[in-house]
């Protein structure tokens, strides 16, 4: 799930920024689909790898197709349906690229809007899979959808700039500004999220679970069982909580500070060659997002852990 949420999020973010950048293309590039072929193909690889890794998380991968039928009530099903619909405009742009058909016409605009909106909607559905789970307060936090969306846009922007800064013609200053904004926003959201979950308490206590008054003292004199089970393995994560502060610092340094420092030379030296700095910022942000996402899963406390 860490690979899925990180890689697919970056892929959808790359698709979104690629569609936004279409008006910035020069006339020659706008009339040739080849300008979009590399970012769209790379986004497809990231999304495909992410979706494939998510299937491995299922208990019965061969039954994954059944998830598409529950879109009325399941965010997982909605995510799957939206993920499949984004391949429709992607196929149009692929066909336009190979056939040299201009994509600046009306149909191309509809496809671009479809892919941009579909990418954002898919990321939000992924976030809502966790934000809708009330038994896990750290996941049902109000900032979770915003965090998922911002990190997808942050990593997607860095990939887009690394492979197509000059093609999209925004210049070094524009690239630096975009990196600084997304880095700062990602850091602020995660900082607020971590502060809230550190102050938060589980919605149930031993007293409420037993139906006893809150002032009644309850002591646990024996563990429920002697061996670990699925819940203690999936929702315990003692190691992550023991080193959470250090891991949080590492995550912030990687996904926010390093990209911001790489952006500063581009801002002050507009004629500098941007590719090495952008590549370093992109690799750092992706690695930092992996750490952040691992903490997202590892720090989550299920209310059932009150029993254990």
Protein backbone atom coordinates (compact mmCIF):
# COMPACT_ATOMS: atom_id res chain seq x y z
CA UNK A 1 0.00 0.00 0.00
CA UNK A 2 2.95 2.33 0.54
CA UNK A 3 4.16 1.73 -3.01
CA UNK A 4 0.61 2.08 -4.33
CA UNK A 5 -0.25 5.37 -2.67
CA UNK A 6 3.17 6.93 -3.38
CA UNK A 7 3.75 5.84 -6.97
CA UNK A 8 0.19 6.11 -8.23
CA UNK A 9 -0.17 9.48 -6.52
CA UNK A 10 2.96 10.72 -8.29
CA UNK A 11 1.66 9.36 -11.59
CA UNK A 12 -1.69 11.09 -11.26
CA UNK A 13 0.04 14.28 -10.19
CA UNK A 14 2.26 14.07 -13.28
CA UNK A 15 -0.79 13.63 -15.51
CA UNK A 16 -2.49 16.62 -13.89
CA UNK A 17 0.47 18.97 -14.39
CA UNK A 18 0.96 17.71 -17.93
CA UNK A 19 -2.60 18.67 -18.80
CA UNK A 20 -2.21 22.04 -17.07
CA UNK A 21 0.98 22.68 -19.04
CA UNK A 22 -0.64 22.21 -22.46
CA UNK A 23 -1.39 25.96 -22.88
CA UNK A 24 2.29 26.70 -22.13
CA UNK A 25 3.53 24.64 -25.06
CA UNK A 26 4.81 26.49 -28.09
CA UNK A 27 2.84 26.37 -31.34
CA UNK A 28 4.90 23.56 -32.83
CA UNK A 29 4.59 21.37 -29.74
CA UNK A 30 0.90 22.17 -29.35
CA UNK A 31 0.20 20.77 -32.81
CA UNK A 32 2.16 17.59 -32.20
CA UNK A 33 1.24 14.99 -29.62
CA UNK A 34 4.88 13.93 -29.27
CA UNK A 35 5.43 16.65 -26.65
CA UNK A 36 3.13 14.79 -24.26
CA UNK A 37 4.29 11.28 -25.00
CA UNK A 38 7.09 11.08 -22.39
CA UNK A 39 5.20 12.49 -19.35
CA UNK A 40 2.05 10.54 -20.18
CA UNK A 41 3.99 7.30 -20.65
CA UNK A 42 5.94 7.80 -17.42
CA UNK A 43 2.71 8.59 -15.57
CA UNK A 44 1.20 5.39 -16.95
CA UNK A 45 4.15 3.36 -15.65
CA UNK A 46 3.85 4.89 -12.18
CA UNK A 47 0.08 4.40 -12.03
CA UNK A 48 0.26 0.87 -13.41
CA UNK A 49 2.99 -0.18 -10.96
CA UNK A 50 1.05 1.38 -8.10
CA UNK A 51 -2.23 -0.26 -9.00
CA UNK A 52 -0.50 -3.63 -9.52
CA UNK A 53 1.12 -3.43 -6.08
CA UNK A 54 -2.27 -2.67 -4.50
CA UNK A 55 -3.70 -5.88 -5.96
CA UNK A 56 -1.03 -7.86 -4.10
CA UNK A 57 -2.45 -6.50 -0.84
CA UNK A 58 -5.77 -8.25 -1.45
CA UNK A 59 -6.49 -11.57 0.17
CA UNK A 60 -7.93 -12.94 -3.09
CA UNK A 61 -6.37 -10.99 -5.98
CA UNK A 62 -8.35 -12.97 -8.57
CA UNK A 63 -11.55 -11.49 -7.14
CA UNK A 64 -10.36 -7.89 -7.48
CA UNK A 65 -12.79 -7.29 -10.34
CA UNK A 66 -15.70 -7.56 -7.90
CA UNK A 67 -14.65 -4.33 -6.22
CA UNK A 68 -15.83 -2.34 -9.24
CA UNK A 69 -19.46 -3.27 -8.56
CA UNK A 70 -19.70 -1.51 -5.19
CA UNK A 71 -19.14 2.07 -6.37
CA UNK A 72 -22.35 3.28 -4.70
CA UNK A 73 -21.03 2.69 -1.20
CA UNK A 74 -17.29 1.88 -1.37
CA UNK A 75 -14.52 4.42 -1.83
CA UNK A 76 -12.27 1.56 -2.92
CA UNK A 77 -14.69 0.74 -5.71
CA UNK A 78 -15.00 4.40 -6.73
CA UNK A 79 -11.24 4.65 -6.84
CA UNK A 80 -11.03 1.64 -9.14
CA UNK A 81 -13.74 2.92 -11.47
CA UNK A 82 -12.19 6.39 -11.72
CA UNK A 83 -8.73 4.91 -12.24
CA UNK A 84 -10.03 2.96 -15.23
CA UNK A 85 -11.81 5.98 -16.72
CA UNK A 86 -8.57 7.98 -16.76
CA UNK A 87 -7.18 5.54 -19.31
CA UNK A 88 -9.76 6.71 -21.88
CA UNK A 89 -8.30 10.22 -22.42
CA UNK A 90 -4.85 8.71 -22.03
CA UNK A 91 -5.58 6.44 -25.00
CA UNK A 92 -6.72 9.45 -27.01
CA UNK A 93 -3.46 11.32 -26.38
CA UNK A 94 -1.44 8.20 -27.16
CA UNK A 95 -3.24 7.81 -30.47
CA UNK A 96 -2.76 11.52 -31.22
CA UNK A 97 0.95 11.25 -30.46
CA UNK A 98 1.63 8.37 -32.81
CA UNK A 99 -0.65 9.59 -35.60
CA UNK A 100 0.58 13.20 -35.38
CA UNK A 101 -3.00 14.38 -34.89
CA UNK A 102 -3.19 17.87 -33.30
CA UNK A 103 -4.53 17.73 -29.77
CA UNK A 104 -5.25 21.46 -29.50
CA UNK A 105 -8.76 21.02 -30.93
CA UNK A 106 -12.02 20.76 -29.00
CA UNK A 107 -11.79 17.01 -28.48
CA UNK A 108 -8.27 17.40 -27.15
CA UNK A 109 -9.49 19.99 -24.65
CA UNK A 110 -12.20 17.66 -23.40
CA UNK A 111 -9.66 14.84 -23.05
CA UNK A 112 -7.25 17.11 -21.17
CA UNK A 113 -9.95 18.25 -18.75
CA UNK A 114 -11.12 14.66 -18.30
CA UNK A 115 -7.64 13.41 -17.46
CA UNK A 116 -6.83 16.31 -15.12
CA UNK A 117 -10.10 16.07 -13.17
CA UNK A 118 -10.03 12.27 -13.19
CA UNK A 119 -6.51 12.22 -11.77
CA UNK A 120 -7.45 14.52 -8.89
CA UNK A 121 -10.67 12.60 -8.21
CA UNK A 122 -8.84 9.26 -8.13
CA UNK A 123 -6.30 10.54 -5.58
CA UNK A 124 -9.11 11.89 -3.39
CA UNK A 125 -10.93 8.54 -3.55
CA UNK A 126 -7.73 6.81 -2.45
CA UNK A 127 -7.50 9.16 0.51
CA UNK A 128 -11.16 8.64 1.39
CA UNK A 129 -10.61 4.89 1.68
CA UNK A 130 -8.69 5.69 4.87
CA UNK A 131 -10.45 8.92 5.88
CA UNK A 132 -13.76 7.05 6.08
CA UNK A 133 -12.49 4.51 8.64
CA UNK A 134 -13.66 5.89 11.99
CA UNK A 135 -12.11 3.10 14.12
CA UNK A 136 -8.71 4.55 13.19
CA UNK A 137 -8.67 8.23 14.28
CA UNK A 138 -5.30 8.94 12.64
CA UNK A 139 -6.79 7.96 9.28
CA UNK A 140 -10.19 9.58 9.67
CA UNK A 141 -8.51 12.94 10.32
CA UNK A 142 -9.95 15.83 8.29
CA UNK A 143 -6.54 16.65 6.73
CA UNK A 144 -5.93 13.21 5.22
CA UNK A 145 -7.56 13.97 1.82
CA UNK A 146 -5.66 17.26 1.57
CA UNK A 147 -2.37 15.56 2.47
CA UNK A 148 -2.81 12.87 -0.17
CA UNK A 149 -3.71 15.44 -2.82
CA UNK A 150 -0.85 17.83 -2.01
CA UNK A 151 1.76 15.07 -1.97
CA UNK A 152 0.50 13.79 -5.33
CA UNK A 153 0.76 17.29 -6.80
CA UNK A 154 4.15 17.86 -5.15
CA UNK A 155 5.82 14.70 -6.46
CA UNK A 156 4.02 14.94 -9.80
CA UNK A 157 5.22 18.52 -10.29
CA UNK A 158 8.83 17.57 -9.56
CA UNK A 159 8.71 14.71 -12.05
CA UNK A 160 7.08 16.92 -14.69
CA UNK A 161 9.67 19.65 -14.22
CA UNK A 162 12.55 17.18 -14.30
CA UNK A 163 11.55 15.67 -17.64
CA UNK A 164 9.98 18.67 -19.37
CA UNK A 165 10.87 22.05 -17.90
CA UNK A 166 12.05 23.60 -21.16
CA UNK A 167 9.24 22.02 -23.16
CA UNK A 168 6.61 23.51 -20.89
CA UNK A 169 8.39 26.88 -21.10
CA UNK A 170 7.85 28.09 -17.54
CA UNK A 171 11.52 28.90 -16.94
CA UNK A 172 13.73 28.30 -13.94
CA UNK A 173 11.95 30.95 -11.86
CA UNK A 174 8.56 29.36 -12.42
CA UNK A 175 9.92 25.93 -11.57
CA UNK A 176 11.52 27.23 -8.36
CA UNK A 177 8.30 28.97 -7.31
CA UNK A 178 6.21 25.84 -7.90
CA UNK A 179 8.64 23.66 -5.93
CA UNK A 180 8.77 26.09 -3.02
CA UNK A 181 4.99 26.38 -2.84
CA UNK A 182 4.28 22.65 -2.94
CA UNK A 183 7.12 21.87 -0.51
CA UNK A 184 5.90 24.45 1.99
CA UNK A 185 2.29 23.33 1.69
CA UNK A 186 3.20 19.66 2.15
CA UNK A 187 5.27 20.49 5.24
CA UNK A 188 2.55 22.67 6.80
CA UNK A 189 -0.16 20.06 6.30
CA UNK A 190 1.92 17.23 7.72
CA UNK A 191 3.04 19.35 10.66
CA UNK A 192 -0.56 20.17 11.55
CA UNK A 193 -1.62 16.56 11.03
CA UNK A 194 1.13 15.21 13.30
CA UNK A 195 0.33 17.76 15.98
CA UNK A 196 -3.32 16.74 15.95
CA UNK A 197 -2.75 12.99 16.16
CA UNK A 198 -0.19 13.49 18.94
CA UNK A 199 -2.77 15.40 20.98
CA UNK A 200 -5.65 13.13 20.03
CA UNK A 201 -7.06 10.30 22.09
CA UNK A 202 -8.87 7.17 21.06
CA UNK A 203 -12.67 7.56 20.93
CA UNK A 204 -13.12 4.70 23.39
CA UNK A 205 -11.54 3.77 26.70
CA UNK A 206 -11.43 0.58 28.72
CA UNK A 207 -14.16 2.03 30.91
CA UNK A 208 -16.52 2.83 28.04
CA UNK A 209 -15.85 -0.56 26.42
CA UNK A 210 -16.84 -2.29 29.67
CA UNK A 211 -19.76 0.04 30.33
CA UNK A 212 -18.22 1.34 33.57
CA UNK A 213 -18.04 4.95 34.87
CA UNK A 214 -15.10 7.03 33.68
CA UNK A 215 -13.77 7.48 37.22
CA UNK A 216 -13.59 3.72 37.87
CA UNK A 217 -9.99 2.48 37.94
CA UNK A 218 -9.34 -0.50 35.68
CA UNK A 219 -6.13 -2.49 35.65
CA UNK A 220 -5.08 -5.11 33.16
CA UNK A 221 -3.41 -8.01 34.96
CA UNK A 222 -3.03 -10.46 32.06
CA UNK A 223 -2.67 -10.19 28.29
CA UNK A 224 -5.59 -11.45 26.17
CA UNK A 225 -3.38 -14.16 24.66
CA UNK A 226 0.24 -15.18 24.59
CA UNK A 227 0.93 -14.97 20.84
CA UNK A 228 0.67 -12.11 18.39
CA UNK A 229 -2.20 -12.12 15.90
CA UNK A 230 -3.19 -10.21 12.77
CA UNK A 231 -4.42 -7.15 14.66
CA UNK A 232 -1.36 -6.78 16.84
CA UNK A 233 0.88 -7.12 13.79
CA UNK A 234 -1.10 -4.71 11.60
CA UNK A 235 -2.05 -2.14 14.24
CA UNK A 236 0.77 -2.37 16.78
CA UNK A 237 3.92 -1.04 15.12
CA UNK A 238 5.84 -0.41 18.33
CA UNK A 239 9.04 0.23 16.36
CA UNK A 240 7.47 3.03 14.32
CA UNK A 241 6.10 4.83 17.37
CA UNK A 242 9.38 4.45 19.24
CA UNK A 243 11.29 6.23 16.47
CA UNK A 244 8.46 8.36 15.09
CA UNK A 245 10.04 11.74 15.82
CA UNK A 246 13.28 10.80 14.11
CA UNK A 247 11.44 9.34 11.12
CA UNK A 248 9.23 12.43 10.86
CA UNK A 249 12.31 14.64 10.74
CA UNK A 250 13.85 12.46 8.04
CA UNK A 251 10.62 12.62 6.02
CA UNK A 252 10.41 16.43 6.23
CA UNK A 253 14.05 16.84 5.26
CA UNK A 254 13.55 14.63 2.22
CA UNK A 255 10.17 15.74 0.86
CA UNK A 256 10.34 19.45 1.79
CA UNK A 257 13.74 20.84 2.75
CA UNK A 258 15.92 19.21 0.08
CA UNK A 259 13.56 20.15 -2.81
CA UNK A 260 13.31 23.70 -1.47
CA UNK A 261 17.11 24.02 -1.27
CA UNK A 262 17.39 22.68 -4.81
CA UNK A 263 14.89 25.29 -5.98
CA UNK A 264 16.80 28.28 -4.58
CA UNK A 265 19.67 28.19 -7.13
CA UNK A 266 17.11 28.08 -9.93
CA UNK A 267 15.48 31.19 -8.50
CA UNK A 268 18.67 33.23 -8.08
CA UNK A 269 20.43 31.91 -11.20
CA UNK A 270 17.73 31.79 -13.91
CA UNK A 271 20.17 30.64 -16.59
CA UNK A 272 21.49 27.67 -14.59
CA UNK A 273 21.06 24.21 -16.06
CA UNK A 274 18.10 22.86 -14.05
CA UNK A 275 18.13 19.11 -14.73
CA UNK A 276 20.61 17.94 -12.02
CA UNK A 277 18.96 19.99 -9.29
CA UNK A 278 15.47 18.96 -10.36
CA UNK A 279 16.46 15.30 -10.52
CA UNK A 280 17.88 15.49 -6.97
CA UNK A 281 14.75 17.27 -5.71
CA UNK A 282 12.51 14.70 -7.40
CA UNK A 283 14.37 11.68 -5.99
CA UNK A 284 14.45 13.21 -2.51
CA UNK A 285 10.73 14.05 -2.53
CA UNK A 286 9.76 10.55 -3.64
CA UNK A 287 11.93 8.97 -0.94
CA UNK A 288 10.54 11.36 1.66
CA UNK A 289 6.99 10.52 0.57
CA UNK A 290 7.76 6.82 1.06
CA UNK A 291 8.84 7.56 4.64
CA UNK A 292 5.82 9.81 5.25
CA UNK A 293 3.44 7.20 3.90
CA UNK A 294 5.07 4.44 5.96
CA UNK A 295 4.53 6.56 9.06
CA UNK A 296 0.93 7.18 8.02
CA UNK A 297 0.24 3.46 8.20
CA UNK A 298 2.59 2.62 11.06
CA UNK A 299 1.47 5.35 13.47
CA UNK A 300 -2.22 4.57 13.07
CA UNK A 301 -3.79 3.25 16.27
CA UNK A 302 -6.87 1.09 15.89
CA UNK A 303 -9.37 1.35 18.72
CA UNK A 304 -9.08 -2.42 19.14
CA UNK A 305 -5.57 -1.86 20.53
CA UNK A 306 -7.24 -0.54 23.69
CA UNK A 307 -8.26 -4.15 24.31
CA UNK A 308 -4.73 -5.44 23.78
